[in-house]
PDB file of N, CA and C in Angstrom:
ATOM      1  N   GLN A   1     -38.945-100.001 -17.989  1.00  0.00           N
ATOM      2  CA  GLN A   1     -38.402 -98.709 -18.401  1.00  0.00           C
ATOM      3  C   GLN A   1     -39.311 -97.974 -19.337  1.00  0.00           C
ATOM      4  N   VAL A   2     -39.208 -96.602 -19.190  1.00  0.00           N
ATOM      5  CA  VAL A   2     -39.979 -95.671 -20.098  1.00  0.00           C
ATOM      6  C   VAL A   2     -39.076 -94.902 -20.726  1.00  0.00           C
ATOM      7  N   GLN A   3     -39.241 -94.512 -21.929  1.00  0.00           N
ATOM      8  CA  GLN A   3     -38.432 -93.469 -22.735  1.00  0.00           C
ATOM      9  C   GLN A   3     -39.475 -92.381 -23.178  1.00  0.00           C
ATOM     10  N   LEU A   4     -39.043 -91.069 -22.937  1.00  0.00           N
ATOM     11  CA  LEU A   4     -39.817 -90.020 -23.120  1.00  0.00           C
ATOM     12  C   LEU A   4     -38.951 -89.175 -24.160  1.00  0.00           C
ATOM     13  N   VAL A   5     -39.655 -88.743 -25.293  1.00  0.00           N
ATOM     14  CA  VAL A   5     -38.946 -87.907 -26.271  1.00  0.00           C
ATOM     15  C   VAL A   5     -39.839 -86.642 -26.567  1.00  0.00           C
ATOM     16  N   GLU A   6     -39.264 -85.489 -26.254  1.00  0.00           N
ATOM     17  CA  GLU A   6     -39.884 -84.262 -26.480  1.00  0.00           C
ATOM     18  C   GLU A   6     -39.671 -83.690 -27.896  1.00  0.00           C
ATOM     19  N   SER A   7     -40.481 -82.784 -28.267  1.00  0.00           N
ATOM     20  CA  SER A   7     -40.258 -82.188 -29.405  1.00  0.00           C
ATOM     21  C   SER A   7     -41.123 -80.916 -29.508  1.00  0.00           C
ATOM     22  N   GLY A   8     -40.787 -79.747 -30.225  1.00  0.00           N
ATOM     23  CA  GLY A   8     -41.496 -78.604 -30.386  1.00  0.00           C
ATOM     24  C   GLY A   8     -40.942 -77.295 -29.867  1.00  0.00           C
ATOM     25  N   GLY A   9     -39.903 -77.508 -29.220  1.00  0.00           N
ATOM     26  CA  GLY A   9     -39.124 -76.255 -28.795  1.00  0.00           C
ATOM     27  C   GLY A   9     -38.711 -75.392 -29.857  1.00  0.00           C
ATOM     28  N   GLY A  10     -38.193 -74.117 -29.595  1.00  0.00           N
ATOM     29  CA  GLY A  10     -37.585 -73.275 -30.578  1.00  0.00           C
ATOM     30  C   GLY A  10     -37.537 -71.826 -29.877  1.00  0.00           C
ATOM     31  N   LEU A  11     -37.299 -70.978 -30.959  1.00  0.00           N
ATOM     32  CA  LEU A  11     -37.210 -69.415 -30.709  1.00  0.00           C
ATOM     33  C   LEU A  11     -38.513 -68.811 -31.094  1.00  0.00           C
ATOM     34  N   VAL A  12     -39.090 -67.944 -30.313  1.00  0.00           N
ATOM     35  CA  VAL A  12     -40.339 -67.348 -30.613  1.00  0.00           C
ATOM     36  C   VAL A  12     -40.190 -65.947 -29.894  1.00  0.00           C
ATOM     37  N   GLN A  13     -40.936 -64.983 -30.434  1.00  0.00           N
ATOM     38  CA  GLN A  13     -40.936 -63.705 -29.878  1.00  0.00           C
ATOM     39  C   GLN A  13     -42.038 -63.571 -28.812  1.00  0.00           C
ATOM     40  N   ALA A  14     -41.710 -62.607 -27.756  1.00  0.00           N
ATOM     41  CA  ALA A  14     -42.672 -62.410 -26.839  1.00  0.00           C
ATOM     42  C   ALA A  14     -44.278 -62.255 -27.338  1.00  0.00           C
ATOM     43  N   GLY A  15     -45.059 -62.910 -26.711  1.00  0.00           N
ATOM     44  CA  GLY A  15     -46.482 -62.869 -27.049  1.00  0.00           C
ATOM     45  C   GLY A  15     -46.879 -63.829 -28.067  1.00  0.00           C
ATOM     46  N   GLY A  16     -45.909 -64.733 -28.595  1.00  0.00           N
ATOM     47  CA  GLY A  16     -46.081 -65.842 -29.354  1.00  0.00           C
ATOM     48  C   GLY A  16     -46.505 -67.146 -28.655  1.00  0.00           C
ATOM     49  N   SER A  17     -46.535 -68.243 -29.485  1.00  0.00           N
ATOM     50  CA  SER A  17     -46.987 -69.518 -28.853  1.00  0.00           C
ATOM     51  C   SER A  17     -46.011 -70.568 -29.519  1.00  0.00           C
ATOM     52  N   LEU A  18     -46.077 -71.600 -28.647  1.00  0.00           N
ATOM     53  CA  LEU A  18     -45.337 -72.898 -28.993  1.00  0.00           C
ATOM     54  C   LEU A  18     -46.272 -74.066 -28.490  1.00  0.00           C
ATOM     55  N   ARG A  19     -45.993 -75.231 -29.151  1.00  0.00           N
ATOM     56  CA  ARG A  19     -46.744 -76.310 -28.653  1.00  0.00           C
ATOM     57  C   ARG A  19     -45.539 -77.462 -28.406  1.00  0.00           C
ATOM     58  N   LEU A  20     -45.481 -77.903 -27.267  1.00  0.00           N
ATOM     59  CA  LEU A  20     -44.496 -79.084 -27.024  1.00  0.00           C
ATOM     60  C   LEU A  20     -45.241 -80.276 -27.127  1.00  0.00           C
ATOM     61  N   SER A  21     -44.521 -81.523 -27.467  1.00  0.00           N
ATOM     62  CA  SER A  21     -45.213 -82.727 -27.388  1.00  0.00           C
ATOM     63  C   SER A  21     -44.026 -83.633 -26.749  1.00  0.00           C
ATOM     64  N   CYS A  22     -44.636 -84.653 -26.176  1.00  0.00           N
ATOM     65  CA  CYS A  22     -43.823 -85.656 -25.349  1.00  0.00           C
ATOM     66  C   CYS A  22     -44.374 -87.064 -25.671  1.00  0.00           C
ATOM     67  N   ALA A  23     -43.651 -87.909 -26.315  1.00  0.00           N
ATOM     68  CA  ALA A  23     -44.107 -89.367 -26.561  1.00  0.00           C
ATOM     69  C   ALA A  23     -43.395 -90.246 -25.688  1.00  0.00           C
ATOM     70  N   ALA A  24     -44.207 -91.047 -25.042  1.00  0.00           N
ATOM     71  CA  ALA A  24     -43.721 -92.158 -24.215  1.00  0.00           C
ATOM     72  C   ALA A  24     -43.651 -93.371 -24.870  1.00  0.00           C
ATOM     73  N   SER A  25     -42.684 -94.217 -24.640  1.00  0.00           N
ATOM     74  CA  SER A  25     -42.643 -95.689 -25.139  1.00  0.00           C
ATOM     75  C   SER A  25     -42.009 -96.650 -24.045  1.00  0.00           C
ATOM     76  N   GLY A  26     -42.064 -97.881 -24.326  1.00  0.00           N
ATOM     77  CA  GLY A  26     -41.550 -98.755 -23.296  1.00  0.00           C
ATOM     78  C   GLY A  26     -42.708 -99.331 -22.347  1.00  0.00           C
ATOM     79  N   ASP A  27     -42.523 -99.410 -21.153  1.00  0.00           N
ATOM     80  CA  ASP A  27     -43.485 -99.761 -20.188  1.00  0.00           C
ATOM     81  C   ASP A  27     -44.473 -98.736 -19.839  1.00  0.00           C
ATOM     82  N   VAL A  28     -45.341 -98.290 -20.834  1.00  0.00           N
ATOM     83  CA  VAL A  28     -46.199 -97.249 -20.670  1.00  0.00           C
ATOM     84  C   VAL A  28     -47.358 -97.509 -19.678  1.00  0.00           C
ATOM     85  N   PHE A  29     -47.612 -98.771 -19.463  1.00  0.00           N
ATOM     86  CA  PHE A  29     -48.631 -99.251 -18.525  1.00  0.00           C
ATOM     87  C   PHE A  29     -48.290 -98.820 -17.097  1.00  0.00           C
ATOM     88  N   SER A  30     -47.201 -98.581 -16.917  1.00  0.00           N
ATOM     89  CA  SER A  30     -46.675 -98.212 -15.542  1.00  0.00           C
ATOM     90  C   SER A  30     -46.912 -96.676 -15.270  1.00  0.00           C
ATOM     91  N   ILE A  31     -47.414 -95.867 -16.301  1.00  0.00           N
ATOM     92  CA  ILE A  31     -47.397 -94.537 -16.259  1.00  0.00           C
ATOM     93  C   ILE A  31     -48.974 -94.089 -15.813  1.00  0.00           C
ATOM     94  N   SER A  32     -49.044 -93.309 -14.859  1.00  0.00           N
ATOM     95  CA  SER A  32     -50.371 -92.867 -14.533  1.00  0.00           C
ATOM     96  C   SER A  32     -50.385 -91.126 -14.569  1.00  0.00           C
ATOM     97  N   ALA A  33     -49.214 -90.659 -14.450  1.00  0.00           N
ATOM     98  CA  ALA A  33     -49.034 -89.197 -14.374  1.00  0.00           C
ATOM     99  C   ALA A  33     -47.945 -88.697 -15.368  1.00  0.00           C
ATOM    100  N   MET A  34     -48.400 -87.696 -16.167  1.00  0.00           N
ATOM    101  CA  MET A  34     -47.402 -87.055 -17.119  1.00  0.00           C
ATOM    102  C   MET A  34     -47.431 -85.610 -16.918  1.00  0.00           C
ATOM    103  N   GLY A  35     -46.348 -84.901 -17.270  1.00  0.00           N
ATOM    104  CA  GLY A  35     -46.371 -83.579 -17.104  1.00  0.00           C
ATOM    105  C   GLY A  35     -45.010 -82.855 -17.670  1.00  0.00           C
ATOM    106  N   TRP A  36     -44.992 -81.581 -17.143  1.00  0.00           N
ATOM    107  CA  TRP A  36     -43.834 -80.697 -17.764  1.00  0.00           C
ATOM    108  C   TRP A  36     -43.086 -79.976 -16.594  1.00  0.00           C
ATOM    109  N   HIS A  37     -41.872 -79.859 -16.583  1.00  0.00           N
ATOM    110  CA  HIS A  37     -41.053 -79.006 -15.833  1.00  0.00           C
ATOM    111  C   HIS A  37     -40.258 -78.243 -16.642  1.00  0.00           C
ATOM    112  N   ARG A  38     -39.470 -77.135 -16.157  1.00  0.00           N
ATOM    113  CA  ARG A  38     -38.533 -76.435 -16.791  1.00  0.00           C
ATOM    114  C   ARG A  38     -37.493 -75.867 -15.929  1.00  0.00           C
ATOM    115  N   GLN A  39     -36.307 -75.723 -16.575  1.00  0.00           N
ATOM    116  CA  GLN A  39     -35.131 -75.235 -15.851  1.00  0.00           C
ATOM    117  C   GLN A  39     -34.507 -74.025 -16.574  1.00  0.00           C
ATOM    118  N   ALA A  40     -34.367 -72.945 -16.057  1.00  0.00           N
ATOM    119  CA  ALA A  40     -33.818 -71.747 -16.619  1.00  0.00           C
ATOM    120  C   ALA A  40     -32.323 -71.706 -16.194  1.00  0.00           C
ATOM    121  N   PRO A  41     -31.348 -71.065 -16.907  1.00  0.00           N
ATOM    122  CA  PRO A  41     -30.113 -70.945 -16.460  1.00  0.00           C
ATOM    123  C   PRO A  41     -29.896 -70.431 -15.035  1.00  0.00           C
ATOM    124  N   GLY A  42     -29.262 -71.102 -14.213  1.00  0.00           N
ATOM    125  CA  GLY A  42     -28.973 -70.693 -12.791  1.00  0.00           C
ATOM    126  C   GLY A  42     -30.076 -70.909 -11.975  1.00  0.00           C
ATOM    127  N   LYS A  43     -31.116 -71.559 -12.407  1.00  0.00           N
ATOM    128  CA  LYS A  43     -32.282 -71.683 -11.502  1.00  0.00           C
ATOM    129  C   LYS A  43     -32.449 -73.184 -11.305  1.00  0.00           C
ATOM    130  N   GLN A  44     -33.361 -73.585 -10.340  1.00  0.00           N
ATOM    131  CA  GLN A  44     -33.630 -74.964 -10.150  1.00  0.00           C
ATOM    132  C   GLN A  44     -34.812 -75.392 -11.167  1.00  0.00           C
ATOM    133  N   ARG A  45     -34.786 -76.696 -11.168  1.00  0.00           N
ATOM    134  CA  ARG A  45     -35.967 -77.147 -12.199  1.00  0.00           C
ATOM    135  C   ARG A  45     -37.323 -76.953 -11.413  1.00  0.00           C
ATOM    136  N   GLU A  46     -38.339 -76.573 -12.156  1.00  0.00           N
ATOM    137  CA  GLU A  46     -39.562 -76.177 -11.461  1.00  0.00           C
ATOM    138  C   GLU A  46     -40.720 -76.833 -12.124  1.00  0.00           C
ATOM    139  N   LEU A  47     -41.789 -77.128 -11.621  1.00  0.00           N
ATOM    140  CA  LEU A  47     -43.090 -77.802 -12.103  1.00  0.00           C
ATOM    141  C   LEU A  47     -43.630 -76.716 -13.078  1.00  0.00           C
ATOM    142  N   VAL A  48     -44.226 -77.184 -14.198  1.00  0.00           N
ATOM    143  CA  VAL A  48     -44.877 -76.259 -14.972  1.00  0.00           C
ATOM    144  C   VAL A  48     -46.370 -76.756 -14.997  1.00  0.00           C
ATOM    145  N   ALA A  49     -46.561 -78.025 -15.334  1.00  0.00           N
ATOM    146  CA  ALA A  49     -47.924 -78.605 -15.287  1.00  0.00           C
ATOM    147  C   ALA A  49     -47.806 -80.227 -15.149  1.00  0.00           C
ATOM    148  N   LEU A  50     -48.848 -80.755 -14.491  1.00  0.00           N
ATOM    149  CA  LEU A  50     -48.822 -82.171 -14.143  1.00  0.00           C
ATOM    150  C   LEU A  50     -50.239 -82.608 -14.256  1.00  0.00           C
ATOM    151  N   ILE A  51     -50.381 -83.728 -15.085  1.00  0.00           N
ATOM    152  CA  ILE A  51     -51.620 -84.359 -15.232  1.00  0.00           C
ATOM    153  C   ILE A  51     -51.612 -85.755 -14.507  1.00  0.00           C
ATOM    154  N   THR A  52     -52.475 -85.956 -13.629  1.00  0.00           N
ATOM    155  CA  THR A  52     -52.540 -87.251 -12.804  1.00  0.00           C
ATOM    156  C   THR A  52     -53.473 -88.166 -13.423  1.00  0.00           C
ATOM    157  N   SER A  53     -53.707 -89.320 -12.990  1.00  0.00           N
ATOM    158  CA  SER A  53     -54.521 -90.442 -13.434  1.00  0.00           C
ATOM    159  C   SER A  53     -55.926 -90.004 -13.239  1.00  0.00           C
ATOM    160  N   GLU A  54     -56.228 -89.007 -12.363  1.00  0.00           N
ATOM    161  CA  GLU A  54     -57.684 -88.594 -12.146  1.00  0.00           C
ATOM    162  C   GLU A  54     -58.000 -87.429 -13.213  1.00  0.00           C
ATOM    163  N   THR A  55     -57.140 -87.132 -14.107  1.00  0.00           N
ATOM    164  CA  THR A  55     -57.235 -86.242 -15.156  1.00  0.00           C
ATOM    165  C   THR A  55     -57.161 -84.861 -14.674  1.00  0.00           C
ATOM    166  N   SER A  56     -56.997 -84.660 -13.409  1.00  0.00           N
ATOM    167  CA  SER A  56     -56.710 -83.285 -12.961  1.00  0.00           C
ATOM    168  C   SER A  56     -55.455 -82.565 -13.371  1.00  0.00           C
ATOM    169  N   THR A  57     -55.314 -81.366 -13.476  1.00  0.00           N
ATOM    170  CA  THR A  57     -54.044 -80.932 -13.964  1.00  0.00           C
ATOM    171  C   THR A  57     -53.694 -79.774 -12.986  1.00  0.00           C
ATOM    172  N   ASN A  58     -52.435 -79.788 -12.580  1.00  0.00           N
ATOM    173  CA  ASN A  58     -51.835 -78.679 -11.672  1.00  0.00           C
ATOM    174  C   ASN A  58     -51.084 -77.809 -12.408  1.00  0.00           C
ATOM    175  N   TYR A  59     -50.997 -76.516 -12.300  1.00  0.00           N
ATOM    176  CA  TYR A  59     -50.168 -75.641 -12.975  1.00  0.00           C
ATOM    177  C   TYR A  59     -49.473 -74.784 -12.058  1.00  0.00           C
ATOM    178  N   ALA A  60     -48.251 -74.448 -12.572  1.00  0.00           N
ATOM    179  CA  ALA A  60     -47.555 -73.357 -11.859  1.00  0.00           C
ATOM    180  C   ALA A  60     -48.328 -72.045 -11.852  1.00  0.00           C
ATOM    181  N   ASP A  61     -48.296 -71.248 -10.837  1.00  0.00           N
ATOM    182  CA  ASP A  61     -49.002 -69.986 -10.803  1.00  0.00           C
ATOM    183  C   ASP A  61     -48.464 -69.123 -12.063  1.00  0.00           C
ATOM    184  N   SER A  62     -47.231 -69.155 -12.192  1.00  0.00           N
ATOM    185  CA  SER A  62     -46.735 -68.227 -13.240  1.00  0.00           C
ATOM    186  C   SER A  62     -47.207 -68.570 -14.692  1.00  0.00           C
ATOM    187  N   VAL A  63     -47.730 -69.749 -14.881  1.00  0.00           N
ATOM    188  CA  VAL A  63     -48.257 -70.015 -16.135  1.00  0.00           C
ATOM    189  C   VAL A  63     -49.806 -70.272 -16.344  1.00  0.00           C
ATOM    190  N   LYS A  64     -50.438 -70.211 -15.253  1.00  0.00           N
ATOM    191  CA  LYS A  64     -51.873 -70.261 -15.213  1.00  0.00           C
ATOM    192  C   LYS A  64     -52.479 -69.285 -16.164  1.00  0.00           C
ATOM    193  N   GLY A  65     -53.503 -69.816 -16.919  1.00  0.00           N
ATOM    194  CA  GLY A  65     -54.193 -68.928 -17.994  1.00  0.00           C
ATOM    195  C   GLY A  65     -53.255 -68.604 -19.226  1.00  0.00           C
ATOM    196  N   ARG A  66     -52.133 -69.150 -19.249  1.00  0.00           N
ATOM    197  CA  ARG A  66     -51.408 -69.057 -20.546  1.00  0.00           C
ATOM    198  C   ARG A  66     -50.951 -70.330 -21.120  1.00  0.00           C
ATOM    199  N   PHE A  67     -50.690 -71.347 -20.281  1.00  0.00           N
ATOM    200  CA  PHE A  67     -50.286 -72.685 -20.775  1.00  0.00           C
ATOM    201  C   PHE A  67     -51.483 -73.699 -20.425  1.00  0.00           C
ATOM    202  N   THR A  68     -51.471 -74.689 -21.504  1.00  0.00           N
ATOM    203  CA  THR A  68     -52.564 -75.592 -21.273  1.00  0.00           C
ATOM    204  C   THR A  68     -51.962 -76.926 -21.393  1.00  0.00           C
ATOM    205  N   ALA A  69     -51.881 -77.920 -20.581  1.00  0.00           N
ATOM    206  CA  ALA A  69     -51.343 -79.198 -20.708  1.00  0.00           C
ATOM    207  C   ALA A  69     -52.531 -80.270 -21.076  1.00  0.00           C
ATOM    208  N   SER A  70     -52.208 -81.125 -22.006  1.00  0.00           N
ATOM    209  CA  SER A  70     -53.386 -82.121 -22.332  1.00  0.00           C
ATOM    210  C   SER A  70     -52.512 -83.402 -22.575  1.00  0.00           C
ATOM    211  N   ARG A  71     -53.346 -84.427 -22.745  1.00  0.00           N
ATOM    212  CA  ARG A  71     -52.773 -85.843 -22.755  1.00  0.00           C
ATOM    213  C   ARG A  71     -53.589 -86.535 -23.834  1.00  0.00           C
ATOM    214  N   ASP A  72     -53.048 -87.478 -24.621  1.00  0.00           N
ATOM    215  CA  ASP A  72     -53.566 -88.441 -25.491  1.00  0.00           C
ATOM    216  C   ASP A  72     -53.204 -89.758 -25.135  1.00  0.00           C
ATOM    217  N   ASN A  73     -53.967 -90.537 -24.167  1.00  0.00           N
ATOM    218  CA  ASN A  73     -53.616 -91.738 -23.795  1.00  0.00           C
ATOM    219  C   ASN A  73     -53.516 -92.759 -24.790  1.00  0.00           C
ATOM    220  N   ALA A  74     -54.301 -92.725 -25.774  1.00  0.00           N
ATOM    221  CA  ALA A  74     -54.068 -93.562 -27.061  1.00  0.00           C
ATOM    222  C   ALA A  74     -52.741 -93.583 -27.649  1.00  0.00           C
ATOM    223  N   LYS A  75     -52.208 -92.343 -27.647  1.00  0.00           N
ATOM    224  CA  LYS A  75     -50.879 -92.109 -28.182  1.00  0.00           C
ATOM    225  C   LYS A  75     -49.776 -92.170 -27.176  1.00  0.00           C
ATOM    226  N   ASN A  76     -50.207 -92.267 -26.005  1.00  0.00           N
ATOM    227  CA  ASN A  76     -49.064 -92.023 -24.922  1.00  0.00           C
ATOM    228  C   ASN A  76     -48.253 -90.806 -25.047  1.00  0.00           C
ATOM    229  N   THR A  77     -48.985 -89.702 -25.357  1.00  0.00           N
ATOM    230  CA  THR A  77     -48.353 -88.511 -25.562  1.00  0.00           C
ATOM    231  C   THR A  77     -48.987 -87.330 -24.683  1.00  0.00           C
ATOM    232  N   VAL A  78     -48.209 -86.601 -24.281  1.00  0.00           N
ATOM    233  CA  VAL A  78     -48.596 -85.320 -23.377  1.00  0.00           C
ATOM    234  C   VAL A  78     -48.058 -84.075 -24.175  1.00  0.00           C
ATOM    235  N   TYR A  79     -48.980 -83.040 -24.128  1.00  0.00           N
ATOM    236  CA  TYR A  79     -48.750 -81.707 -24.922  1.00  0.00           C
ATOM    237  C   TYR A  79     -48.724 -80.711 -24.005  1.00  0.00           C
ATOM    238  N   LEU A  80     -47.966 -79.641 -24.323  1.00  0.00           N
ATOM    239  CA  LEU A  80     -47.952 -78.428 -23.597  1.00  0.00           C
ATOM    240  C   LEU A  80     -48.236 -77.178 -24.564  1.00  0.00           C
ATOM    241  N   GLN A  81     -49.451 -76.593 -24.567  1.00  0.00           N
ATOM    242  CA  GLN A  81     -49.634 -75.463 -25.411  1.00  0.00           C
ATOM    243  C   GLN A  81     -49.354 -74.223 -24.619  1.00  0.00           C
ATOM    244  N   MET A  82     -48.367 -73.537 -25.228  1.00  0.00           N
ATOM    245  CA  MET A  82     -47.910 -72.249 -24.514  1.00  0.00           C
ATOM    246  C   MET A  82     -48.202 -71.036 -25.247  1.00  0.00           C
ATOM    247  N   ASN A  83     -49.228 -70.169 -24.641  1.00  0.00           N
ATOM    248  CA  ASN A  83     -49.514 -68.977 -25.410  1.00  0.00           C
ATOM    249  C   ASN A  83     -49.156 -67.729 -24.510  1.00  0.00           C
ATOM    250  N   THR A  84     -49.064 -66.604 -25.331  1.00  0.00           N
ATOM    251  CA  THR A  84     -48.680 -65.384 -24.632  1.00  0.00           C
ATOM    252  C   THR A  84     -47.243 -65.589 -23.972  1.00  0.00           C
ATOM    253  N   LEU A  85     -46.338 -66.069 -24.655  1.00  0.00           N
ATOM    254  CA  LEU A  85     -45.151 -66.417 -24.032  1.00  0.00           C
ATOM    255  C   LEU A  85     -44.307 -65.089 -23.624  1.00  0.00           C
ATOM    256  N   LYS A  86     -43.595 -65.178 -22.564  1.00  0.00           N
ATOM    257  CA  LYS A  86     -42.817 -64.059 -21.999  1.00  0.00           C
ATOM    258  C   LYS A  86     -41.323 -64.503 -22.012  1.00  0.00           C
ATOM    259  N   PRO A  87     -40.506 -63.473 -21.900  1.00  0.00           N
ATOM    260  CA  PRO A  87     -39.050 -63.816 -21.921  1.00  0.00           C
ATOM    261  C   PRO A  87     -38.625 -64.725 -20.607  1.00  0.00           C
ATOM    262  N   GLU A  88     -39.300 -64.432 -19.562  1.00  0.00           N
ATOM    263  CA  GLU A  88     -39.092 -65.414 -18.395  1.00  0.00           C
ATOM    264  C   GLU A  88     -39.337 -66.818 -18.581  1.00  0.00           C
ATOM    265  N   ASP A  89     -40.237 -67.155 -19.663  1.00  0.00           N
ATOM    266  CA  ASP A  89     -40.541 -68.659 -20.000  1.00  0.00           C
ATOM    267  C   ASP A  89     -39.351 -69.229 -20.611  1.00  0.00           C
ATOM    268  N   THR A  90     -38.251 -68.411 -20.877  1.00  0.00           N
ATOM    269  CA  THR A  90     -37.132 -69.101 -21.635  1.00  0.00           C
ATOM    270  C   THR A  90     -36.515 -70.187 -20.497  1.00  0.00           C
ATOM    271  N   ALA A  91     -36.472 -71.486 -21.011  1.00  0.00           N
ATOM    272  CA  ALA A  91     -35.816 -72.492 -20.236  1.00  0.00           C
ATOM    273  C   ALA A  91     -35.774 -73.772 -21.186  1.00  0.00           C
ATOM    274  N   VAL A  92     -35.103 -74.707 -20.643  1.00  0.00           N
ATOM    275  CA  VAL A  92     -35.214 -75.956 -21.093  1.00  0.00           C
ATOM    276  C   VAL A  92     -36.435 -76.685 -20.489  1.00  0.00           C
ATOM    277  N   TYR A  93     -37.339 -77.220 -21.234  1.00  0.00           N
ATOM    278  CA  TYR A  93     -38.581 -77.804 -20.863  1.00  0.00           C
ATOM    279  C   TYR A  93     -38.462 -79.341 -20.978  1.00  0.00           C
ATOM    280  N   TYR A  94     -38.676 -80.083 -19.733  1.00  0.00           N
ATOM    281  CA  TYR A  94     -38.512 -81.410 -19.524  1.00  0.00           C
ATOM    282  C   TYR A  94     -39.780 -82.049 -19.477  1.00  0.00           C
ATOM    283  N   CYS A  95     -40.129 -83.179 -20.196  1.00  0.00           N
ATOM    284  CA  CYS A  95     -41.295 -84.013 -19.882  1.00  0.00           C
ATOM    285  C   CYS A  95     -41.033 -84.955 -18.876  1.00  0.00           C
ATOM    286  N   ASN A  96     -41.899 -85.175 -17.966  1.00  0.00           N
ATOM    287  CA  ASN A  96     -41.688 -86.053 -16.809  1.00  0.00           C
ATOM    288  C   ASN A  96     -42.773 -87.162 -16.829  1.00  0.00           C
ATOM    289  N   ALA A  97     -42.723 -88.432 -16.209  1.00  0.00           N
ATOM    290  CA  ALA A  97     -43.752 -89.401 -16.315  1.00  0.00           C
ATOM    291  C   ALA A  97     -43.455 -90.397 -15.040  1.00  0.00           C
ATOM    292  N   GLY A  98     -44.605 -91.011 -14.620  1.00  0.00           N
ATOM    293  CA  GLY A  98     -44.361 -91.816 -13.461  1.00  0.00           C
ATOM    294  C   GLY A  98     -45.894 -92.217 -12.997  1.00  0.00           C
ATOM    295  N   SER A  99     -45.977 -92.692 -11.776  1.00  0.00           N
ATOM    296  CA  SER A  99     -47.058 -92.884 -11.064  1.00  0.00           C
ATOM    297  C   SER A  99     -47.531 -91.658 -10.414  1.00  0.00           C
ATOM    298  N   ASP A 100     -48.820 -91.619  -9.804  1.00  0.00           N
ATOM    299  CA  ASP A 100     -49.296 -90.409  -9.178  1.00  0.00           C
ATOM    300  C   ASP A 100     -48.369 -90.064  -8.067  1.00  0.00           C
ATOM    301  N   TYR A 101     -47.820 -91.061  -7.424  1.00  0.00           N
ATOM    302  CA  TYR A 101     -47.010 -90.877  -6.245  1.00  0.00           C
ATOM    303  C   TYR A 101     -45.641 -90.460  -6.403  1.00  0.00           C
ATOM    304  N   TYR A 102     -45.246 -90.885  -7.726  1.00  0.00           N
ATOM    305  CA  TYR A 102     -43.781 -90.536  -8.085  1.00  0.00           C
ATOM    306  C   TYR A 102     -43.811 -90.149  -9.574  1.00  0.00           C
ATOM    307  N   PRO A 103     -44.344 -88.969  -9.850  1.00  0.00           N
ATOM    308  CA  PRO A 103     -44.452 -88.616 -11.252  1.00  0.00           C
ATOM    309  C   PRO A 103     -43.254 -88.295 -11.967  1.00  0.00           C
ATOM    310  N   THR A 104     -42.168 -88.010 -11.246  1.00  0.00           N
ATOM    311  CA  THR A 104     -40.917 -87.726 -11.849  1.00  0.00           C
ATOM    312  C   THR A 104     -39.969 -88.857 -11.891  1.00  0.00           C
ATOM    313  N   ARG A 105     -40.461 -90.152 -11.902  1.00  0.00           N
ATOM    314  CA  ARG A 105     -39.535 -91.201 -12.059  1.00  0.00           C
ATOM    315  C   ARG A 105     -38.819 -91.178 -13.439  1.00  0.00           C
ATOM    316  N   TYR A 106     -39.450 -90.859 -14.550  1.00  0.00           N
ATOM    317  CA  TYR A 106     -38.805 -90.783 -15.785  1.00  0.00           C
ATOM    318  C   TYR A 106     -38.897 -89.189 -16.223  1.00  0.00           C
ATOM    319  N   TRP A 107     -37.734 -89.127 -17.202  1.00  0.00           N
ATOM    320  CA  TRP A 107     -37.504 -87.671 -17.733  1.00  0.00           C
ATOM    321  C   TRP A 107     -37.100 -87.907 -19.199  1.00  0.00           C
ATOM    322  N   GLY A 108     -37.480 -86.854 -19.753  1.00  0.00           N
ATOM    323  CA  GLY A 108     -37.184 -86.673 -21.283  1.00  0.00           C
ATOM    324  C   GLY A 108     -35.726 -86.058 -21.425  1.00  0.00           C
ATOM    325  N   GLN A 109     -35.146 -85.832 -22.454  1.00  0.00           N
ATOM    326  CA  GLN A 109     -33.859 -85.194 -22.633  1.00  0.00           C
ATOM    327  C   GLN A 109     -34.018 -83.708 -22.499  1.00  0.00           C
ATOM    328  N   GLY A 110     -35.255 -83.144 -22.695  1.00  0.00           N
ATOM    329  CA  GLY A 110     -35.394 -81.644 -22.552  1.00  0.00           C
ATOM    330  C   GLY A 110     -35.364 -81.057 -24.037  1.00  0.00           C
ATOM    331  N   THR A 111     -36.144 -79.825 -24.029  1.00  0.00           N
ATOM    332  CA  THR A 111     -36.235 -79.126 -25.302  1.00  0.00           C
ATOM    333  C   THR A 111     -36.160 -77.644 -24.998  1.00  0.00           C
ATOM    334  N   GLN A 112     -35.221 -76.947 -25.716  1.00  0.00           N
ATOM    335  CA  GLN A 112     -35.037 -75.514 -25.483  1.00  0.00           C
ATOM    336  C   GLN A 112     -36.274 -74.664 -25.973  1.00  0.00           C
ATOM    337  N   VAL A 113     -36.667 -73.829 -25.129  1.00  0.00           N
ATOM    338  CA  VAL A 113     -37.607 -72.786 -25.570  1.00  0.00           C
ATOM    339  C   VAL A 113     -36.913 -71.392 -25.255  1.00  0.00           C
ATOM    340  N   THR A 114     -36.805 -70.560 -26.273  1.00  0.00           N
ATOM    341  CA  THR A 114     -36.314 -69.350 -26.028  1.00  0.00           C
ATOM    342  C   THR A 114     -37.231 -68.319 -26.526  1.00  0.00           C
ATOM    343  N   VAL A 115     -37.602 -67.165 -25.645  1.00  0.00           N
ATOM    344  CA  VAL A 115     -38.553 -66.208 -25.865  1.00  0.00           C
ATOM    345  C   VAL A 115     -37.714 -64.909 -25.874  1.00  0.00           C
ATOM    346  N   SER A 116     -37.704 -64.199 -27.194  1.00  0.00           N
ATOM    347  CA  SER A 116     -37.112 -63.048 -27.303  1.00  0.00           C
ATOM    348  C   SER A 116     -38.017 -61.828 -27.016  1.00  0.00           C
ATOM    349  N   SER A 117     -37.469 -60.614 -26.462  1.00  0.00           N
ATOM    350  CA  SER A 117     -38.315 -59.690 -26.203  1.00  0.00           C
ATOM    351  C   SER A 117     -38.335 -58.659 -27.261  1.00  0.00           C
TER     352      SER A 117
END
């Protein structure tokens, strides 16, 4: 089993920045992919960014150029740097981890990000 703990959410004004962190513990050797999803009220959970074992990163079109995902394998931690935040970025952000073929096997508890206009 893998446990994921997110931190770094909060309230920020439009145009501001936040940095999310997600630390993995437990059977971390089973993890090759880590990333972030988000879920806004009344909407489905959607992919934000995913880093695979080949170190390639996929981003949702809505965050390209504003968000940057990175990974520190020594610390078993994935980060999400969010710049130029918009009110439509408001959501609960969830960390995910798993294999390259099943990257959403494990989920964190989520952290709220609220962007005010």
